[in-house]
Amino acid sequence: MMNLKTQNSIAAILLCLAAASPVGALELQQQNFSDDQIFSAVVNHFKKPLLHRFNPAAAERQPLLVLGPALKFGKKIKSASFTHLTQQELVEQQQAVFLLVTKAYPDPDRKELYVEYDIPSNASYGVLKVYPEKGELVTQSFDSYRSSSGARATYGKLYTGVACKDNTEMAWRWNYYIRNRPSGRCPDTMFTEFTE
């Protein structure tokens, strides 16, 4: 039976080993990549549509990344390339331009990572392939689709039953959808257009 001093020493060693290993690292082609490196590569692939603003007077900001419920993360990813929001934060802020990652999984040989994405603001979704090349992560479209009804469905899943707030990005987006003049005023009290 170990004494308390030995148990504390082993616990301290294990804690140091855990701290030394990269948190959230994914091995691809026998190289480790952090969550920030992986999702920065994904966000940079879609940077142009993620910088669009429905409100012409809106300030510049980093692209927004939202991870779907199938991806479990204990902590938010800190990054210089994007802002990681939870779905709840996204809806509270009523953001309309974001990258939603619904699934991410490596191939059986761990050579490539497949990332299922949805960008409803430009009606695109699909699968992006991420893999290392000369020590850097590169991205390549694997499957890519456009669907305005799919975009409405994504917004509908997020905003059904949510009260619209004036001067939010979603208020501007809603006016755009119903071909109303550009405005940040909510066309109605609750979001309904996206679910029809």
Protein backbone atom coordinates (compact mmCIF):
# COMPACT_ATOMS: atom_id res chain seq x y z
CA MET A 1 0.00 0.00 0.00
CA MET A 2 1.36 3.44 -0.98
CA ASN A 3 1.80 6.08 1.68
CA LEU A 4 0.28 9.56 1.28
CA LYS A 5 3.62 11.15 0.31
CA THR A 6 4.10 8.64 -2.56
CA GLN A 7 0.51 9.14 -3.75
CA ASN A 8 0.98 12.93 -3.78
CA SER A 9 4.26 12.57 -5.72
CA ILE A 10 2.60 10.35 -8.35
CA ALA A 11 -0.35 12.78 -8.62
CA ALA A 12 2.09 15.69 -9.11
CA ILE A 13 3.98 13.78 -11.85
CA LEU A 14 0.72 12.93 -13.65
CA LEU A 15 -0.41 16.57 -13.41
CA CYS A 16 2.91 17.74 -14.94
CA LEU A 17 2.62 15.19 -17.75
CA ALA A 18 -0.94 16.31 -18.48
CA ALA A 19 0.12 19.96 -18.53
CA ALA A 20 3.01 19.18 -20.90
CA SER A 21 0.81 17.48 -23.50
CA PRO A 22 -1.06 19.77 -25.90
CA VAL A 23 -4.67 20.26 -24.88
CA GLY A 24 -7.12 19.28 -27.60
CA ALA A 25 -4.34 18.07 -29.89
CA LEU A 26 -5.22 15.97 -32.91
CA GLU A 27 -2.66 13.73 -34.55
CA LEU A 28 -2.63 13.73 -38.35
CA GLN A 29 0.19 12.00 -40.24
CA GLN A 30 2.07 11.58 -36.94
CA GLN A 31 2.00 15.33 -36.25
CA ASN A 32 0.04 17.01 -33.46
CA PHE A 33 -2.17 20.01 -34.19
CA SER A 34 -4.08 22.08 -31.64
CA ASP A 35 -7.78 22.93 -31.90
CA ASP A 36 -6.75 26.52 -32.67
CA GLN A 37 -4.50 25.41 -35.56
CA ILE A 38 -7.18 23.15 -37.02
CA PHE A 39 -10.09 25.57 -36.78
CA SER A 40 -7.94 28.55 -37.87
CA ALA A 41 -7.20 26.64 -41.10
CA VAL A 42 -10.94 25.97 -41.55
CA VAL A 43 -11.95 29.58 -40.81
CA ASN A 44 -9.25 30.97 -43.12
CA HIS A 45 -10.59 28.80 -45.95
CA PHE A 46 -13.93 30.65 -45.65
CA LYS A 47 -12.62 34.05 -44.54
CA LYS A 48 -14.21 36.15 -47.32
CA PRO A 49 -17.87 35.13 -46.71
CA LEU A 50 -17.30 35.23 -42.93
CA LEU A 51 -16.33 38.92 -43.10
CA HIS A 52 -19.57 39.95 -44.87
CA ARG A 53 -21.94 42.27 -42.96
CA PHE A 54 -25.64 42.74 -43.70
CA ASN A 55 -25.51 46.06 -41.85
CA PRO A 56 -23.25 48.29 -43.98
CA ALA A 57 -22.36 50.38 -40.90
CA ALA A 58 -21.27 47.35 -38.82
CA ALA A 59 -17.75 47.37 -37.43
CA GLU A 60 -15.10 44.92 -38.57
CA ARG A 61 -14.73 41.83 -36.42
CA GLN A 62 -13.08 38.45 -36.44
CA PRO A 63 -14.96 35.58 -38.10
CA LEU A 64 -17.30 33.73 -35.74
CA LEU A 65 -16.94 29.97 -35.16
CA VAL A 66 -19.76 27.95 -33.60
CA LEU A 67 -19.40 24.25 -32.81
CA GLY A 68 -22.48 22.08 -33.05
CA PRO A 69 -23.71 19.86 -30.20
CA ALA A 70 -21.95 16.77 -31.65
CA LEU A 71 -18.58 18.42 -30.85
CA LYS A 72 -17.94 18.45 -27.11
CA PHE A 73 -15.49 21.07 -25.89
CA GLY A 74 -14.84 21.77 -22.22
CA LYS A 75 -13.37 25.22 -22.85
CA LYS A 76 -13.70 27.75 -25.61
CA ILE A 77 -10.91 27.83 -28.16
CA LYS A 78 -8.76 30.94 -27.78
CA SER A 79 -7.57 32.14 -31.17
CA ALA A 80 -6.17 35.17 -32.96
CA SER A 81 -7.97 34.02 -36.16
CA PHE A 82 -11.58 33.76 -34.98
CA THR A 83 -13.99 34.19 -32.07
CA HIS A 84 -15.43 30.95 -30.71
CA LEU A 85 -19.07 31.40 -29.62
CA THR A 86 -21.42 28.85 -28.12
CA GLN A 87 -24.77 28.41 -29.87
CA GLN A 88 -26.42 30.11 -26.90
CA GLU A 89 -24.10 33.15 -27.19
CA LEU A 90 -24.68 33.31 -30.95
CA VAL A 91 -28.47 33.40 -30.47
CA GLU A 92 -28.28 35.89 -27.57
CA GLN A 93 -26.18 38.24 -29.73
CA GLN A 94 -28.41 37.48 -32.76
CA GLN A 95 -25.49 37.03 -35.14
CA ALA A 96 -26.20 36.05 -38.75
CA VAL A 97 -22.72 35.59 -40.26
CA PHE A 98 -20.87 32.63 -38.77
CA LEU A 99 -19.29 29.26 -39.50
CA LEU A 100 -21.14 26.38 -37.87
CA VAL A 101 -19.08 23.19 -37.63
CA THR A 102 -21.50 20.30 -37.14
CA LYS A 103 -19.00 17.39 -37.15
CA ALA A 104 -15.25 16.80 -37.41
CA TYR A 105 -13.66 13.35 -37.75
CA PRO A 106 -10.34 11.94 -38.97
CA ASP A 107 -10.13 9.21 -41.59
CA PRO A 108 -9.24 5.72 -40.26
CA ASP A 109 -5.51 6.21 -41.04
CA ARG A 110 -5.45 9.65 -39.38
CA LYS A 111 -4.10 11.26 -42.53
CA GLU A 112 -6.92 13.77 -42.99
CA LEU A 113 -9.63 15.43 -40.93
CA TYR A 114 -13.10 15.89 -42.43
CA VAL A 115 -15.04 18.92 -41.19
CA GLU A 116 -18.77 19.25 -41.88
CA TYR A 117 -19.71 22.94 -42.04
CA ASP A 118 -22.63 25.29 -42.62
CA ILE A 119 -22.43 29.01 -43.49
CA PRO A 120 -26.09 30.08 -43.77
CA SER A 121 -25.29 33.72 -44.55
CA ASN A 122 -24.11 32.69 -48.03
CA ALA A 123 -26.24 29.51 -48.25
CA SER A 124 -23.27 27.15 -48.37
CA TYR A 125 -22.55 23.89 -46.60
CA GLY A 126 -20.50 20.78 -47.14
CA VAL A 127 -17.37 18.95 -46.05
CA LEU A 128 -13.87 20.40 -45.92
CA LYS A 129 -10.77 18.21 -45.86
CA VAL A 130 -7.89 19.34 -43.60
CA TYR A 131 -4.47 17.71 -43.76
CA PRO A 132 -0.79 18.51 -43.14
CA GLU A 133 1.52 19.37 -46.00
CA LYS A 134 5.16 20.23 -45.23
CA GLY A 135 4.25 20.68 -41.57
CA GLU A 136 1.40 23.13 -42.27
CA LEU A 137 -2.33 22.45 -42.34
CA VAL A 138 -3.97 22.91 -45.73
CA THR A 139 -7.64 22.74 -46.64
CA GLN A 140 -9.47 21.41 -49.65
CA SER A 141 -13.17 21.30 -50.49
CA PHE A 142 -14.36 17.70 -50.37
CA ASP A 143 -18.10 18.31 -50.89
CA SER A 144 -19.58 21.77 -51.36
CA TYR A 145 -23.22 22.73 -51.87
CA ARG A 146 -25.43 25.83 -52.08
CA SER A 147 -28.99 25.89 -50.76
CA SER A 148 -31.08 28.89 -49.73
CA SER A 149 -33.70 26.58 -48.20
CA GLY A 150 -30.93 24.84 -46.23
CA ALA A 151 -29.73 28.22 -44.97
CA ARG A 152 -33.27 29.11 -43.87
CA ALA A 153 -33.50 25.75 -42.10
CA THR A 154 -30.25 26.43 -40.20
CA TYR A 155 -31.45 29.87 -39.12
CA GLY A 156 -34.82 28.33 -38.23
CA LYS A 157 -33.22 25.72 -35.94
CA LEU A 158 -31.32 28.44 -34.12
CA TYR A 159 -33.92 31.21 -33.99
CA THR A 160 -37.36 29.53 -33.82
CA GLY A 161 -39.26 31.01 -30.89
CA VAL A 162 -36.67 33.75 -30.30
CA ALA A 163 -37.77 37.37 -29.99
CA CYS A 164 -36.11 39.59 -32.59
CA LYS A 165 -34.01 42.50 -31.31
CA ASP A 166 -33.70 45.69 -33.35
CA ASN A 167 -30.31 46.62 -34.80
CA THR A 168 -28.87 43.11 -34.56
CA GLU A 169 -27.34 41.29 -37.49
CA MET A 170 -30.31 38.91 -37.58
CA ALA A 171 -32.75 41.84 -37.81
CA TRP A 172 -30.81 43.09 -40.84
CA ARG A 173 -30.72 39.54 -42.26
CA TRP A 174 -34.47 39.10 -41.81
CA ASN A 175 -35.19 42.31 -43.74
CA TYR A 176 -32.87 41.07 -46.48
CA TYR A 177 -34.78 37.76 -46.66
CA ILE A 178 -38.19 39.37 -46.98
CA ARG A 179 -36.82 41.89 -49.49
CA ASN A 180 -37.61 44.77 -47.20
CA ARG A 181 -35.50 47.89 -47.51
CA PRO A 182 -32.16 47.56 -45.67
CA SER A 183 -32.98 48.13 -42.04
CA GLY A 184 -32.10 46.99 -38.54
CA ARG A 185 -35.74 47.21 -37.40
CA CYS A 186 -37.37 43.86 -36.70
CA PRO A 187 -40.18 43.14 -39.20
CA ASP A 188 -42.09 41.26 -36.44
CA THR A 189 -41.78 40.38 -32.75
CA MET A 190 -40.63 36.76 -33.16
CA PHE A 191 -38.48 35.21 -35.89
CA THR A 192 -40.83 33.40 -38.27
CA GLU A 193 -39.56 33.96 -41.80
CA PHE A 194 -36.72 31.45 -41.56
CA THR A 195 -38.94 28.52 -40.65
CA GLU A 196 -41.46 28.94 -43.49
